[in-house]
Amino acid sequence: MAANLRNNAFLSSLMFLVLIGSSYAITSSEMSTICDKTLNPAFCLKFLNSKYSSPNVQALAKTTLDTTQARAKLTLKKLQSIIDGGVDPRSKLAYRTCVDAYESTIENLEEAFELLASGDGMGMNMRVSAALDGADNCLDDVKRLRSVDALVVNNSKRIKNLCGIALVISNMLPRRA
């Protein structure tokens, strides 16, 4: 009889967790709602549908931040290799400014991870916004050059789009008082 009670308690607890967990799952309708609030809804839908079918909001935020940070680190390495490869002084200055911007972007994303883990959606939002600014500033600097590295431009645009998704998601997360 005691074993039967334990099994019932276990099953009840499991059902409760499943119901709670499923209530936080992101539906395709909610993904559309998220993407409608971004500057590039088509990019957002493609990103969310290609890899992340129905995670909860926090998992979706983490995955988006992971992807953004990986892209930012790749871009930083590319920028450093461009500078090391030798470019004209004007281009070198623009790319050095981009290196600074991307170092800041990566730091802001690292802080966004910490704020997400602590449940601070508003703080995460501020750090992601700062990360977006870094990519945007770099994009502005390199667009003025005669010869622009396509990977830097494309990655900067992608990071801006990913940050846009993370910003919308951060607004769905709980706020700290």
N, C-alpha and C. Protein backbone atom coordinates (compact mmCIF):
# COMPACT_ATOMS: atom_id res chain seq x y z
N MET A 1 0.81 -1.18 0.00
CA MET A 1 0.00 0.00 0.00
C MET A 1 0.87 1.27 0.00
N ALA A 2 1.97 1.25 0.77
CA ALA A 2 2.87 2.40 0.81
C ALA A 2 3.50 2.63 -0.56
N ALA A 3 3.85 1.52 -1.24
CA ALA A 3 4.43 1.64 -2.57
C ALA A 3 3.42 2.23 -3.55
N ASN A 4 2.15 1.84 -3.39
CA ASN A 4 1.09 2.36 -4.25
C ASN A 4 0.91 3.87 -4.03
N LEU A 5 0.98 4.32 -2.78
CA LEU A 5 0.87 5.75 -2.47
C LEU A 5 2.04 6.54 -3.06
N ARG A 6 3.25 5.95 -2.94
CA ARG A 6 4.43 6.61 -3.52
C ARG A 6 4.30 6.73 -5.03
N ASN A 7 3.81 5.66 -5.67
CA ASN A 7 3.63 5.70 -7.13
C ASN A 7 2.60 6.76 -7.52
N ASN A 8 1.50 6.83 -6.75
CA ASN A 8 0.48 7.84 -7.04
C ASN A 8 1.03 9.25 -6.84
N ALA A 9 1.80 9.43 -5.77
CA ALA A 9 2.40 10.75 -5.51
C ALA A 9 3.38 11.11 -6.62
N PHE A 10 4.17 10.12 -7.04
CA PHE A 10 5.13 10.35 -8.12
C PHE A 10 4.41 10.72 -9.41
N LEU A 11 3.37 9.94 -9.77
CA LEU A 11 2.62 10.21 -10.99
C LEU A 11 1.92 11.57 -10.93
N SER A 12 1.39 11.90 -9.78
CA SER A 12 0.74 13.20 -9.61
C SER A 12 1.75 14.33 -9.80
N SER A 13 2.91 14.17 -9.19
CA SER A 13 3.97 15.18 -9.33
C SER A 13 4.41 15.29 -10.78
N LEU A 14 4.59 14.17 -11.43
CA LEU A 14 5.01 14.16 -12.82
C LEU A 14 3.98 14.85 -13.71
N MET A 15 2.72 14.54 -13.51
CA MET A 15 1.66 15.18 -14.29
C MET A 15 1.64 16.69 -14.06
N PHE A 16 1.83 17.09 -12.82
CA PHE A 16 1.87 18.52 -12.50
C PHE A 16 3.00 19.21 -13.25
N LEU A 17 4.18 18.59 -13.23
CA LEU A 17 5.33 19.18 -13.92
C LEU A 17 5.11 19.23 -15.43
N VAL A 18 4.50 18.20 -15.98
CA VAL A 18 4.22 18.18 -17.42
C VAL A 18 3.24 19.30 -17.77
N LEU A 19 2.19 19.44 -16.96
CA LEU A 19 1.22 20.50 -17.22
C LEU A 19 1.84 21.88 -17.09
N ILE A 20 2.65 22.09 -16.06
CA ILE A 20 3.32 23.38 -15.88
C ILE A 20 4.28 23.63 -17.04
N GLY A 21 5.10 22.64 -17.37
CA GLY A 21 6.08 22.79 -18.44
C GLY A 21 5.42 23.06 -19.78
N SER A 22 4.32 22.35 -20.06
CA SER A 22 3.68 22.55 -21.35
C SER A 22 2.99 23.90 -21.45
N SER A 23 2.61 24.46 -20.31
CA SER A 23 1.95 25.76 -20.36
C SER A 23 2.94 26.86 -20.75
N TYR A 24 4.23 26.60 -20.68
CA TYR A 24 5.23 27.58 -21.08
C TYR A 24 5.81 27.29 -22.46
N ALA A 25 5.32 26.26 -23.12
CA ALA A 25 5.82 25.93 -24.45
C ALA A 25 5.41 27.01 -25.45
N ILE A 26 6.28 27.27 -26.40
CA ILE A 26 6.01 28.27 -27.42
C ILE A 26 5.30 27.58 -28.58
N THR A 27 4.15 28.08 -28.95
CA THR A 27 3.41 27.53 -30.08
C THR A 27 3.84 28.25 -31.35
N SER A 28 3.46 27.69 -32.49
CA SER A 28 3.80 28.35 -33.76
C SER A 28 3.10 29.71 -33.85
N SER A 29 1.94 29.83 -33.26
CA SER A 29 1.24 31.11 -33.23
C SER A 29 2.03 32.14 -32.42
N GLU A 30 2.58 31.70 -31.28
CA GLU A 30 3.40 32.61 -30.46
C GLU A 30 4.69 32.97 -31.17
N MET A 31 5.26 32.01 -31.93
CA MET A 31 6.46 32.32 -32.72
C MET A 31 6.14 33.41 -33.73
N SER A 32 4.98 33.31 -34.36
CA SER A 32 4.57 34.34 -35.31
C SER A 32 4.41 35.69 -34.62
N THR A 33 3.84 35.66 -33.42
CA THR A 33 3.67 36.89 -32.65
C THR A 33 5.03 37.50 -32.32
N ILE A 34 5.97 36.66 -31.91
CA ILE A 34 7.33 37.14 -31.63
C ILE A 34 7.92 37.77 -32.89
N CYS A 35 7.86 37.04 -33.98
CA CYS A 35 8.50 37.50 -35.21
C CYS A 35 7.85 38.75 -35.79
N ASP A 36 6.55 38.90 -35.60
CA ASP A 36 5.87 40.10 -36.08
C ASP A 36 6.39 41.36 -35.40
N LYS A 37 6.99 41.21 -34.23
CA LYS A 37 7.49 42.37 -33.48
C LYS A 37 8.95 42.69 -33.82
N THR A 38 9.58 41.89 -34.66
CA THR A 38 10.97 42.14 -35.03
C THR A 38 11.04 42.97 -36.31
N LEU A 39 12.23 43.49 -36.61
CA LEU A 39 12.40 44.27 -37.83
C LEU A 39 12.44 43.40 -39.08
N ASN A 40 12.75 42.11 -38.90
CA ASN A 40 12.84 41.20 -40.03
C ASN A 40 12.07 39.92 -39.70
N PRO A 41 10.73 39.96 -39.82
CA PRO A 41 9.92 38.80 -39.46
C PRO A 41 10.26 37.53 -40.25
N ALA A 42 10.61 37.68 -41.51
CA ALA A 42 10.95 36.50 -42.32
C ALA A 42 12.19 35.80 -41.77
N PHE A 43 13.21 36.57 -41.43
CA PHE A 43 14.42 36.00 -40.83
C PHE A 43 14.07 35.29 -39.53
N CYS A 44 13.28 35.96 -38.71
CA CYS A 44 12.89 35.42 -37.41
C CYS A 44 12.17 34.08 -37.55
N LEU A 45 11.17 34.03 -38.41
CA LEU A 45 10.42 32.79 -38.59
C LEU A 45 11.31 31.66 -39.10
N LYS A 46 12.17 31.99 -40.04
CA LYS A 46 13.10 30.98 -40.57
C LYS A 46 14.01 30.47 -39.46
N PHE A 47 14.54 31.39 -38.66
CA PHE A 47 15.42 31.01 -37.56
C PHE A 47 14.70 30.14 -36.54
N LEU A 48 13.53 30.58 -36.08
CA LEU A 48 12.81 29.84 -35.05
C LEU A 48 12.29 28.51 -35.55
N ASN A 49 11.80 28.46 -36.76
CA ASN A 49 11.23 27.22 -37.29
C ASN A 49 12.28 26.21 -37.71
N SER A 50 13.46 26.68 -38.08
CA SER A 50 14.48 25.75 -38.58
C SER A 50 15.08 24.88 -37.48
N LYS A 51 15.19 25.41 -36.27
CA LYS A 51 15.91 24.68 -35.24
C LYS A 51 15.15 24.49 -33.94
N TYR A 52 14.23 25.34 -33.65
CA TYR A 52 13.70 25.40 -32.30
C TYR A 52 12.18 25.35 -32.31
N SER A 53 11.64 24.16 -32.55
CA SER A 53 10.21 24.06 -32.79
C SER A 53 9.31 24.53 -31.65
N SER A 54 9.49 24.07 -30.43
CA SER A 54 8.58 24.48 -29.36
C SER A 54 9.23 24.55 -27.99
N PRO A 55 10.31 25.27 -27.83
CA PRO A 55 10.90 25.36 -26.48
C PRO A 55 10.10 26.32 -25.61
N ASN A 56 10.42 26.33 -24.34
CA ASN A 56 9.81 27.35 -23.48
C ASN A 56 10.54 28.68 -23.74
N VAL A 57 10.02 29.74 -23.19
CA VAL A 57 10.54 31.07 -23.48
C VAL A 57 12.01 31.20 -23.05
N GLN A 58 12.34 30.68 -21.88
CA GLN A 58 13.73 30.80 -21.41
C GLN A 58 14.68 29.99 -22.28
N ALA A 59 14.27 28.81 -22.70
CA ALA A 59 15.12 28.00 -23.58
C ALA A 59 15.29 28.70 -24.92
N LEU A 60 14.23 29.30 -25.41
CA LEU A 60 14.30 30.03 -26.67
C LEU A 60 15.24 31.23 -26.54
N ALA A 61 15.17 31.93 -25.42
CA ALA A 61 16.08 33.06 -25.18
C ALA A 61 17.52 32.58 -25.14
N LYS A 62 17.78 31.48 -24.44
CA LYS A 62 19.15 30.97 -24.33
C LYS A 62 19.69 30.55 -25.70
N THR A 63 18.86 29.85 -26.46
CA THR A 63 19.28 29.40 -27.78
C THR A 63 19.58 30.59 -28.69
N THR A 64 18.76 31.61 -28.62
CA THR A 64 18.97 32.81 -29.44
C THR A 64 20.26 33.51 -29.01
N LEU A 65 20.48 33.62 -27.71
CA LEU A 65 21.73 34.23 -27.22
C LEU A 65 22.94 33.40 -27.62
N ASP A 66 22.84 32.07 -27.51
CA ASP A 66 23.95 31.19 -27.92
C ASP A 66 24.33 31.43 -29.37
N THR A 67 23.33 31.47 -30.22
CA THR A 67 23.57 31.66 -31.65
C THR A 67 24.17 33.04 -31.92
N THR A 68 23.65 34.04 -31.24
CA THR A 68 24.15 35.41 -31.41
C THR A 68 25.59 35.52 -30.96
N GLN A 69 25.89 34.94 -29.80
CA GLN A 69 27.25 35.01 -29.28
C GLN A 69 28.24 34.27 -30.19
N ALA A 70 27.84 33.11 -30.69
CA ALA A 70 28.72 32.36 -31.60
C ALA A 70 29.01 33.18 -32.85
N ARG A 71 28.01 33.84 -33.39
CA ARG A 71 28.18 34.66 -34.59
C ARG A 71 29.07 35.87 -34.28
N ALA A 72 28.90 36.45 -33.11
CA ALA A 72 29.72 37.61 -32.72
C ALA A 72 31.19 37.21 -32.57
N LYS A 73 31.44 36.06 -31.96
CA LYS A 73 32.82 35.59 -31.81
C LYS A 73 33.46 35.29 -33.16
N LEU A 74 32.70 34.71 -34.06
CA LEU A 74 33.19 34.44 -35.41
C LEU A 74 33.53 35.74 -36.13
N THR A 75 32.69 36.73 -35.97
CA THR A 75 32.91 38.03 -36.60
C THR A 75 34.14 38.72 -36.02
N LEU A 76 34.31 38.63 -34.71
CA LEU A 76 35.49 39.22 -34.07
C LEU A 76 36.77 38.58 -34.61
N LYS A 77 36.78 37.27 -34.75
CA LYS A 77 37.96 36.60 -35.32
C LYS A 77 38.23 37.05 -36.74
N LYS A 78 37.18 37.20 -37.52
CA LYS A 78 37.34 37.66 -38.91
C LYS A 78 37.90 39.08 -38.93
N LEU A 79 37.39 39.94 -38.08
CA LEU A 79 37.89 41.32 -38.01
C LEU A 79 39.37 41.34 -37.66
N GLN A 80 39.76 40.53 -36.69
CA GLN A 80 41.17 40.49 -36.29
C GLN A 80 42.05 39.95 -37.41
N SER A 81 41.55 38.98 -38.16
CA SER A 81 42.35 38.45 -39.27
C SER A 81 42.46 39.46 -40.41
N ILE A 82 41.45 40.27 -40.62
CA ILE A 82 41.51 41.33 -41.64
C ILE A 82 42.59 42.34 -41.26
N ILE A 83 42.60 42.75 -40.00
CA ILE A 83 43.61 43.72 -39.53
C ILE A 83 45.00 43.12 -39.63
N ASP A 84 45.15 41.88 -39.20
CA ASP A 84 46.46 41.21 -39.24
C ASP A 84 46.93 40.98 -40.67
N GLY A 85 45.99 40.86 -41.60
CA GLY A 85 46.33 40.62 -43.00
C GLY A 85 46.82 41.86 -43.72
N GLY A 86 46.65 42.99 -43.11
CA GLY A 86 47.12 44.25 -43.71
C GLY A 86 46.07 44.88 -44.60
N VAL A 87 45.64 46.02 -44.20
CA VAL A 87 44.69 46.81 -44.99
C VAL A 87 45.15 48.27 -44.95
N ASP A 88 44.57 49.08 -45.80
CA ASP A 88 44.96 50.49 -45.83
C ASP A 88 44.62 51.14 -44.48
N PRO A 89 45.28 52.25 -44.14
CA PRO A 89 45.10 52.88 -42.82
C PRO A 89 43.64 53.24 -42.49
N ARG A 90 42.90 53.75 -43.47
CA ARG A 90 41.51 54.13 -43.22
C ARG A 90 40.67 52.89 -42.88
N SER A 91 40.86 51.82 -43.65
CA SER A 91 40.13 50.58 -43.39
C SER A 91 40.55 49.97 -42.07
N LYS A 92 41.85 50.05 -41.79
CA LYS A 92 42.35 49.49 -40.54
C LYS A 92 41.69 50.17 -39.34
N LEU A 93 41.54 51.49 -39.41
CA LEU A 93 40.89 52.23 -38.34
C LEU A 93 39.43 51.78 -38.16
N ALA A 94 38.71 51.63 -39.27
CA ALA A 94 37.31 51.20 -39.20
C ALA A 94 37.22 49.79 -38.62
N TYR A 95 38.10 48.91 -39.05
CA TYR A 95 38.06 47.54 -38.55
C TYR A 95 38.48 47.46 -37.07
N ARG A 96 39.41 48.31 -36.65
CA ARG A 96 39.78 48.35 -35.22
C ARG A 96 38.59 48.83 -34.37
N THR A 97 37.87 49.81 -34.90
CA THR A 97 36.67 50.28 -34.20
C THR A 97 35.66 49.14 -34.09
N CYS A 98 35.56 48.35 -35.15
CA CYS A 98 34.66 47.19 -35.12
C CYS A 98 35.12 46.15 -34.10
N VAL A 99 36.41 45.95 -33.99
CA VAL A 99 36.92 45.00 -32.99
C VAL A 99 36.48 45.45 -31.60
N ASP A 100 36.65 46.73 -31.32
CA ASP A 100 36.21 47.25 -30.01
C ASP A 100 34.71 47.04 -29.82
N ALA A 101 33.94 47.33 -30.86
CA ALA A 101 32.48 47.18 -30.78
C ALA A 101 32.10 45.73 -30.54
N TYR A 102 32.78 44.80 -31.21
CA TYR A 102 32.45 43.38 -31.04
C TYR A 102 32.92 42.82 -29.70
N GLU A 103 34.03 43.34 -29.19
CA GLU A 103 34.43 42.92 -27.84
C GLU A 103 33.36 43.34 -26.83
N SER A 104 32.84 44.54 -27.01
CA SER A 104 31.76 45.03 -26.16
C SER A 104 30.48 44.21 -26.36
N THR A 105 30.18 43.89 -27.60
CA THR A 105 29.00 43.08 -27.91
C THR A 105 29.07 41.73 -27.20
N ILE A 106 30.21 41.10 -27.26
CA ILE A 106 30.38 39.78 -26.62
C ILE A 106 30.25 39.90 -25.11
N GLU A 107 30.84 40.94 -24.53
CA GLU A 107 30.70 41.16 -23.08
C GLU A 107 29.23 41.38 -22.70
N ASN A 108 28.52 42.16 -23.49
CA ASN A 108 27.11 42.40 -23.21
C ASN A 108 26.29 41.13 -23.33
N LEU A 109 26.61 40.28 -24.29
CA LEU A 109 25.90 39.01 -24.43
C LEU A 109 26.17 38.09 -23.25
N GLU A 110 27.42 38.09 -22.77
CA GLU A 110 27.75 37.28 -21.59
C GLU A 110 26.94 37.75 -20.38
N GLU A 111 26.81 39.06 -20.23
CA GLU A 111 25.99 39.58 -19.13
C GLU A 111 24.52 39.24 -19.34
N ALA A 112 24.07 39.24 -20.59
CA ALA A 112 22.67 38.89 -20.89
C ALA A 112 22.39 37.44 -20.47
N PHE A 113 23.35 36.54 -20.68
CA PHE A 113 23.20 35.15 -20.24
C PHE A 113 23.01 35.09 -18.72
N GLU A 114 23.84 35.83 -18.00
CA GLU A 114 23.75 35.84 -16.53
C GLU A 114 22.40 36.38 -16.07
N LEU A 115 21.95 37.43 -16.70
CA LEU A 115 20.67 38.03 -16.33
C LEU A 115 19.50 37.10 -16.67
N LEU A 116 19.60 36.40 -17.78
CA LEU A 116 18.59 35.41 -18.14
C LEU A 116 18.54 34.32 -17.08
N ALA A 117 19.71 33.82 -16.70
CA ALA A 117 19.77 32.75 -15.69
C ALA A 117 19.21 33.20 -14.34
N SER A 118 19.36 34.47 -14.02
CA SER A 118 18.85 34.97 -12.75
C SER A 118 17.38 35.38 -12.83
N GLY A 119 16.79 35.28 -14.04
CA GLY A 119 15.38 35.60 -14.19
C GLY A 119 15.10 37.08 -14.38
N ASP A 120 16.10 37.86 -14.79
CA ASP A 120 15.94 39.30 -14.96
C ASP A 120 15.75 39.63 -16.44
N GLY A 121 14.51 39.57 -16.91
CA GLY A 121 14.22 39.85 -18.31
C GLY A 121 14.54 41.28 -18.72
N MET A 122 14.27 42.24 -17.84
CA MET A 122 14.55 43.63 -18.16
C MET A 122 16.06 43.88 -18.28
N GLY A 123 16.82 43.30 -17.37
CA GLY A 123 18.28 43.44 -17.44
C GLY A 123 18.83 42.79 -18.70
N MET A 124 18.29 41.62 -19.04
CA MET A 124 18.70 40.95 -20.27
C MET A 124 18.41 41.85 -21.46
N ASN A 125 17.25 42.47 -21.47
CA ASN A 125 16.85 43.35 -22.55
C ASN A 125 17.87 44.48 -22.74
N MET A 126 18.30 45.08 -21.65
CA MET A 126 19.27 46.19 -21.73
C MET A 126 20.61 45.72 -22.29
N ARG A 127 21.07 44.54 -21.87
CA ARG A 127 22.36 44.03 -22.35
C ARG A 127 22.27 43.63 -23.82
N VAL A 128 21.17 43.03 -24.24
CA VAL A 128 21.01 42.65 -25.65
C VAL A 128 20.93 43.90 -26.51
N SER A 129 20.25 44.93 -26.02
CA SER A 129 20.18 46.19 -26.75
C SER A 129 21.57 46.79 -26.94
N ALA A 130 22.39 46.72 -25.92
CA ALA A 130 23.77 47.22 -26.03
C ALA A 130 24.58 46.37 -27.01
N ALA A 131 24.34 45.06 -27.01
CA ALA A 131 25.03 44.17 -27.96
C ALA A 131 24.64 44.51 -29.39
N LEU A 132 23.37 44.78 -29.60
CA LEU A 132 22.88 45.17 -30.92
C LEU A 132 23.56 46.46 -31.38
N ASP A 133 23.71 47.41 -30.47
CA ASP A 133 24.36 48.68 -30.80
C ASP A 133 25.79 48.46 -31.31
N GLY A 134 26.50 47.52 -30.70
CA GLY A 134 27.87 47.24 -31.13
C GLY A 134 27.92 46.75 -32.57
N ALA A 135 27.05 45.81 -32.90
CA ALA A 135 27.00 45.29 -34.28
C ALA A 135 26.57 46.38 -35.25
N ASP A 136 25.61 47.17 -34.83
CA ASP A 136 25.10 48.25 -35.68
C ASP A 136 26.18 49.30 -35.93
N ASN A 137 26.92 49.68 -34.89
CA ASN A 137 28.00 50.66 -35.04
C ASN A 137 29.09 50.15 -35.97
N CYS A 138 29.43 48.89 -35.86
CA CYS A 138 30.44 48.32 -36.75
C CYS A 138 29.94 48.37 -38.19
N LEU A 139 28.70 48.00 -38.38
CA LEU A 139 28.12 48.01 -39.72
C LEU A 139 28.18 49.41 -40.32
N ASP A 140 27.86 50.41 -39.52
CA ASP A 140 27.94 51.80 -40.01
C ASP A 140 29.36 52.18 -40.40
N ASP A 141 30.35 51.74 -39.60
CA ASP A 141 31.75 52.08 -39.88
C ASP A 141 32.26 51.44 -41.16
N VAL A 142 31.97 50.15 -41.36
CA VAL A 142 32.54 49.46 -42.52
C VAL A 142 31.79 49.76 -43.81
N LYS A 143 30.55 50.18 -43.72
CA LYS A 143 29.79 50.51 -44.94
C LYS A 143 30.38 51.70 -45.67
N ARG A 144 31.14 52.51 -44.97
CA ARG A 144 31.74 53.70 -45.58
C ARG A 144 33.02 53.38 -46.35
N LEU A 145 33.54 52.18 -46.18
CA LEU A 145 34.78 51.80 -46.85
C LEU A 145 34.52 51.46 -48.31
N ARG A 146 35.55 51.65 -49.14
CA ARG A 146 35.43 51.29 -50.56
C ARG A 146 35.32 49.79 -50.73
N SER A 147 36.14 49.07 -50.01
CA SER A 147 36.15 47.62 -50.10
C SER A 147 35.75 47.06 -48.73
N VAL A 148 34.60 46.43 -48.68
CA VAL A 148 34.06 45.94 -47.42
C VAL A 148 34.04 44.42 -47.43
N ASP A 149 34.44 43.83 -46.31
CA ASP A 149 34.40 42.38 -46.20
C ASP A 149 32.94 41.93 -46.06
N ALA A 150 32.49 41.09 -46.98
CA ALA A 150 31.09 40.66 -47.01
C ALA A 150 30.71 39.86 -45.76
N LEU A 151 31.63 39.06 -45.24
CA LEU A 151 31.32 38.27 -44.04
C LEU A 151 31.03 39.17 -42.85
N VAL A 152 31.80 40.23 -42.71
CA VAL A 152 31.58 41.17 -41.60
C VAL A 152 30.22 41.83 -41.73
N VAL A 153 29.89 42.27 -42.93
CA VAL A 153 28.60 42.93 -43.16
C VAL A 153 27.45 41.95 -42.91
N ASN A 154 27.53 40.78 -43.51
CA ASN A 154 26.45 39.79 -43.37
C ASN A 154 26.28 39.33 -41.92
N ASN A 155 27.39 39.09 -41.24
CA ASN A 155 27.31 38.67 -39.84
C ASN A 155 26.73 39.78 -38.96
N SER A 156 27.12 41.02 -39.24
CA SER A 156 26.60 42.14 -38.46
C SER A 156 25.09 42.26 -38.64
N LYS A 157 24.62 42.09 -39.86
CA LYS A 157 23.18 42.13 -40.12
C LYS A 157 22.48 40.98 -39.41
N ARG A 158 23.08 39.80 -39.46
CA ARG A 158 22.48 38.63 -38.81
C ARG A 158 22.43 38.83 -37.30
N ILE A 159 23.49 39.38 -36.74
CA ILE A 159 23.53 39.63 -35.29
C ILE A 159 22.44 40.64 -34.91
N LYS A 160 22.26 41.67 -35.71
CA LYS A 160 21.19 42.63 -35.44
C LYS A 160 19.83 41.93 -35.45
N ASN A 161 19.61 41.05 -36.42
CA ASN A 161 18.35 40.31 -36.48
C ASN A 161 18.18 39.38 -35.28
N LEU A 162 19.23 38.70 -34.89
CA LEU A 162 19.17 37.80 -33.74
C LEU A 162 18.93 38.58 -32.44
N CYS A 163 19.59 39.71 -32.32
CA CYS A 163 19.36 40.55 -31.14
C CYS A 163 17.91 41.04 -31.11
N GLY A 164 17.37 41.34 -32.27
CA GLY A 164 15.97 41.75 -32.34
C GLY A 164 15.04 40.67 -31.81
N ILE A 165 15.32 39.43 -32.14
CA ILE A 165 14.53 38.31 -31.64
C ILE A 165 14.69 38.21 -30.12
N ALA A 166 15.93 38.29 -29.66
CA ALA A 166 16.20 38.20 -28.22
C ALA A 166 15.52 39.33 -27.45
N LEU A 167 15.45 40.51 -28.04
CA LEU A 167 14.79 41.64 -27.38
C LEU A 167 13.29 41.38 -27.20
N VAL A 168 12.66 40.86 -28.23
CA VAL A 168 11.23 40.56 -28.13
C VAL A 168 11.00 39.47 -27.07
N ILE A 169 11.84 38.44 -27.11
CA ILE A 169 11.70 37.36 -26.13
C ILE A 169 11.93 37.88 -24.71
N SER A 170 12.91 38.76 -24.55
CA SER A 170 13.19 39.29 -23.21
C SER A 170 11.99 40.04 -22.63
N ASN A 171 11.19 40.62 -23.50
CA ASN A 171 9.97 41.31 -23.03
C ASN A 171 8.89 40.33 -22.58
N MET A 172 9.04 39.07 -22.91
CA MET A 172 8.09 38.04 -22.48
C MET A 172 8.49 37.41 -21.15
N LEU A 173 9.73 37.69 -20.73
CA LEU A 173 10.25 37.10 -19.50
C LEU A 173 9.79 37.91 -18.29
N PRO A 174 9.83 37.28 -17.13
CA PRO A 174 9.45 38.00 -15.89
C PRO A 174 10.36 39.20 -15.66
N ARG A 175 9.81 40.20 -15.02
CA ARG A 175 10.56 41.41 -14.65
C ARG A 175 10.88 41.36 -13.17
N ARG A 176 12.07 41.78 -12.84
CA ARG A 176 12.43 41.89 -11.41
C ARG A 176 11.87 43.19 -10.87
N ALA A 177 11.47 43.13 -9.65
CA ALA A 177 10.93 44.35 -9.02
C ALA A 177 12.05 45.25 -8.55
